[in-house]
Each structure stands twice: as C-alpha cells, then as structure tokens.
Amino acid sequence: MKLNKLFFSVLFIALCANGFAQTTKELTRKKEALQREIELAERNLKKAASGKKLTLGQINTIKAQVRLMQEKISTINSEMKNLDNQITENTGKVHNLQNRLA
C-alpha cells in the first residue's frame, strides 16, 4: 500500500515538474528575445551616435532600450518567483513523502 502511495506521489511530482519546465522555457525564450532587442537597440544607437548632440531618434532608441531592460528584469523576477514557488512546493512534497515512509 505504501508503495502505491509513493508511486503516485512521485508521478504527481514528475507531472508538476513538467508543467513548471514549460513555464520556465517560455520565460527563458522571452528573456532571450528581449536580450536580442536590447542588443539591436545598442547597435542602432552606436550607428546614430556619430555627432555630439543626441537626436530625437537616439533619445527614442535609448528610451526603448531602457524599456526593454525593465521588461527583461521583470521576466527574470518572474522566473525567480516561479523557481521559489517550485522549491517551496517540492520541499513540502519531500516532507510529505518522508512522513509517509516513516
């Protein structure tokens, strides 16, 4: 009987981990896309920065770059929250399984 409970508990944890992995992959893809956009904005800024005065286009590029960096930070914060939640959930499951085996 304990073996069945253990099997289903492990199966449940594996299924939860799979769902979490998909969310993590989505956040990672978003973070990578944001990084590419930031790098593109940097290249555009370097191309346009031949004069000493900032043009309106350069200012807009800088604003876009700041916005993208803020969005990337937000994405990283979401990843951290997901990881923290998963750690908390898995810790509880481990304690539950340990109690069942005791």
C-alpha atoms as a PDB file:
ATOM      1  CA  MET A   1       0.000   0.000   0.000  1.00  0.00           C
ATOM      2  CA  LYS A   2       2.822   2.398   0.892  1.00  0.00           C
ATOM      3  CA  LEU A   3       4.485   1.559  -2.412  1.00  0.00           C
ATOM      4  CA  ASN A   4       1.364   2.620  -4.345  1.00  0.00           C
ATOM      5  CA  LYS A   5       1.188   5.907  -2.451  1.00  0.00           C
ATOM      6  CA  LEU A   6       4.860   6.512  -3.074  1.00  0.00           C
ATOM      7  CA  PHE A   7       4.498   5.699  -6.781  1.00  0.00           C
ATOM      8  CA  PHE A   8       1.574   8.089  -7.229  1.00  0.00           C
ATOM      9  CA  SER A   9       3.326  10.790  -5.221  1.00  0.00           C
ATOM     10  CA  VAL A  10       6.427  10.529  -7.393  1.00  0.00           C
ATOM     11  CA  LEU A  11       4.263  10.534 -10.523  1.00  0.00           C
ATOM     12  CA  PHE A  12       2.467  13.665  -9.301  1.00  0.00           C
ATOM     13  CA  ILE A  13       5.774  15.439  -8.634  1.00  0.00           C
ATOM     14  CA  ALA A  14       7.037  14.498 -12.103  1.00  0.00           C
ATOM     15  CA  LEU A  15       3.908  15.881 -13.746  1.00  0.00           C
ATOM     16  CA  CYS A  16       4.174  19.125 -11.770  1.00  0.00           C
ATOM     17  CA  ALA A  17       7.813  19.487 -12.757  1.00  0.00           C
ATOM     18  CA  ASN A  18       6.880  19.073 -16.431  1.00  0.00           C
ATOM     19  CA  GLY A  19       4.371  21.932 -16.245  1.00  0.00           C
ATOM     20  CA  PHE A  20       6.911  24.097 -14.459  1.00  0.00           C
ATOM     21  CA  ALA A  21       9.541  23.357 -17.118  1.00  0.00           C
ATOM     22  CA  GLN A  22       7.249  24.652 -19.847  1.00  0.00           C
ATOM     23  CA  THR A  23       6.734  27.919 -17.984  1.00  0.00           C
ATOM     24  CA  THR A  24      10.475  28.237 -17.400  1.00  0.00           C
ATOM     25  CA  LYS A  25      11.178  27.619 -21.086  1.00  0.00           C
ATOM     26  CA  GLU A  26       8.683  30.307 -22.087  1.00  0.00           C
ATOM     27  CA  LEU A  27      10.285  32.817 -19.726  1.00  0.00           C
ATOM     28  CA  THR A  28      13.751  31.884 -20.972  1.00  0.00           C
ATOM     29  CA  ARG A  29      12.685  32.393 -24.591  1.00  0.00           C
ATOM     30  CA  LYS A  30      11.173  35.766 -23.699  1.00  0.00           C
ATOM     31  CA  LYS A  31      14.340  36.804 -21.859  1.00  0.00           C
ATOM     32  CA  GLU A  32      16.496  35.807 -24.843  1.00  0.00           C
ATOM     33  CA  ALA A  33      14.242  37.711 -27.262  1.00  0.00           C
ATOM     34  CA  LEU A  34      14.451  40.789 -25.055  1.00  0.00           C
ATOM     35  CA  GLN A  35      18.238  40.494 -24.956  1.00  0.00           C
ATOM     36  CA  ARG A  36      18.345  40.385 -28.772  1.00  0.00           C
ATOM     37  CA  GLU A  37      16.159  43.504 -28.937  1.00  0.00           C
ATOM     38  CA  ILE A  38      18.413  45.290 -26.432  1.00  0.00           C
ATOM     39  CA  GLU A  39      21.476  44.416 -28.499  1.00  0.00           C
ATOM     40  CA  LEU A  40      19.753  45.665 -31.663  1.00  0.00           C
ATOM     41  CA  ALA A  41      18.897  48.941 -29.934  1.00  0.00           C
ATOM     42  CA  GLU A  42      22.532  49.289 -28.839  1.00  0.00           C
ATOM     43  CA  ARG A  43      23.759  48.754 -32.407  1.00  0.00           C
ATOM     44  CA  ASN A  44      21.272  51.302 -33.731  1.00  0.00           C
ATOM     45  CA  LEU A  45      22.378  53.783 -31.097  1.00  0.00           C
ATOM     46  CA  LYS A  46      26.055  53.319 -31.972  1.00  0.00           C
ATOM     47  CA  LYS A  47      25.288  53.855 -35.667  1.00  0.00           C
ATOM     48  CA  ALA A  48      23.361  57.043 -34.947  1.00  0.00           C
ATOM     49  CA  ALA A  49      25.831  58.455 -32.406  1.00  0.00           C
ATOM     50  CA  SER A  50      28.267  59.967 -34.895  1.00  0.00           C
ATOM     51  CA  GLY A  51      27.525  63.563 -33.767  1.00  0.00           C
ATOM     52  CA  LYS A  52      27.928  65.004 -30.294  1.00  0.00           C
ATOM     53  CA  LYS A  53      24.307  66.032 -29.783  1.00  0.00           C
ATOM     54  CA  LEU A  54      21.618  63.462 -29.215  1.00  0.00           C
ATOM     55  CA  THR A  55      18.975  63.430 -31.877  1.00  0.00           C
ATOM     56  CA  LEU A  56      15.351  62.619 -31.232  1.00  0.00           C
ATOM     57  CA  GLY A  57      15.933  59.206 -32.801  1.00  0.00           C
ATOM     58  CA  GLN A  58      18.801  58.490 -30.423  1.00  0.00           C
ATOM     59  CA  ILE A  59      16.702  59.533 -27.443  1.00  0.00           C
ATOM     60  CA  ASN A  60      13.878  57.260 -28.585  1.00  0.00           C
ATOM     61  CA  THR A  61      16.339  54.409 -29.031  1.00  0.00           C
ATOM     62  CA  ILE A  62      17.648  54.934 -25.501  1.00  0.00           C
ATOM     63  CA  LYS A  63      14.096  55.014 -24.127  1.00  0.00           C
ATOM     64  CA  ALA A  64      13.283  51.791 -25.973  1.00  0.00           C
ATOM     65  CA  GLN A  65      16.450  50.217 -24.619  1.00  0.00           C
ATOM     66  CA  VAL A  66      15.541  51.178 -21.045  1.00  0.00           C
ATOM     67  CA  ARG A  67      12.017  49.795 -21.512  1.00  0.00           C
ATOM     68  CA  LEU A  68      13.379  46.509 -22.862  1.00  0.00           C
ATOM     69  CA  MET A  69      15.818  46.210 -19.977  1.00  0.00           C
ATOM     70  CA  GLN A  70      12.995  46.826 -17.492  1.00  0.00           C
ATOM     71  CA  GLU A  71      10.917  44.148 -19.207  1.00  0.00           C
ATOM     72  CA  LYS A  72      13.865  41.748 -19.086  1.00  0.00           C
ATOM     73  CA  ILE A  73      14.273  42.418 -15.357  1.00  0.00           C
ATOM     74  CA  SER A  74      10.568  41.749 -14.883  1.00  0.00           C
ATOM     75  CA  THR A  75      10.907  38.458 -16.764  1.00  0.00           C
ATOM     76  CA  ILE A  76      13.869  37.425 -14.613  1.00  0.00           C
ATOM     77  CA  ASN A  77      11.877  38.311 -11.479  1.00  0.00           C
ATOM     78  CA  SER A  78       9.027  36.104 -12.733  1.00  0.00           C
ATOM     79  CA  GLU A  79      11.478  33.255 -13.267  1.00  0.00           C
ATOM     80  CA  MET A  80      12.788  33.694  -9.733  1.00  0.00           C
ATOM     81  CA  LYS A  81       9.265  33.668  -8.282  1.00  0.00           C
ATOM     82  CA  ASN A  82       8.426  30.500 -10.227  1.00  0.00           C
ATOM     83  CA  LEU A  83      11.599  28.807  -9.015  1.00  0.00           C
ATOM     84  CA  ASP A  84      10.930  29.864  -5.425  1.00  0.00           C
ATOM     85  CA  ASN A  85       7.362  28.559  -5.609  1.00  0.00           C
ATOM     86  CA  GLN A  86       8.569  25.280  -7.101  1.00  0.00           C
ATOM     87  CA  ILE A  87      11.212  24.883  -4.395  1.00  0.00           C
ATOM     88  CA  THR A  88       8.627  25.525  -1.682  1.00  0.00           C
ATOM     89  CA  GLU A  89       6.184  23.086  -3.272  1.00  0.00           C
ATOM     90  CA  ASN A  90       8.811  20.375  -3.734  1.00  0.00           C
ATOM     91  CA  THR A  91      10.088  20.813  -0.179  1.00  0.00           C
ATOM     92  CA  GLY A  92       6.576  20.227   1.113  1.00  0.00           C
ATOM     93  CA  LYS A  93       6.199  17.159  -1.077  1.00  0.00           C
ATOM     94  CA  VAL A  94       9.513  15.745   0.108  1.00  0.00           C
ATOM     95  CA  HIS A  95       8.491  16.219   3.744  1.00  0.00           C
ATOM     96  CA  ASN A  96       5.146  14.575   2.981  1.00  0.00           C
ATOM     97  CA  LEU A  97       6.857  11.593   1.342  1.00  0.00           C
ATOM     98  CA  GLN A  98       9.326  11.289   4.212  1.00  0.00           C
ATOM     99  CA  ASN A  99       6.447  11.259   6.697  1.00  0.00           C
ATOM    100  CA  ARG A 100       4.670   8.554   4.702  1.00  0.00           C
ATOM    101  CA  LEU A 101       7.764   6.374   4.650  1.00  0.00           C
ATOM    102  CA  ALA A 102       8.436   6.825   8.375  1.00  0.00           C
END
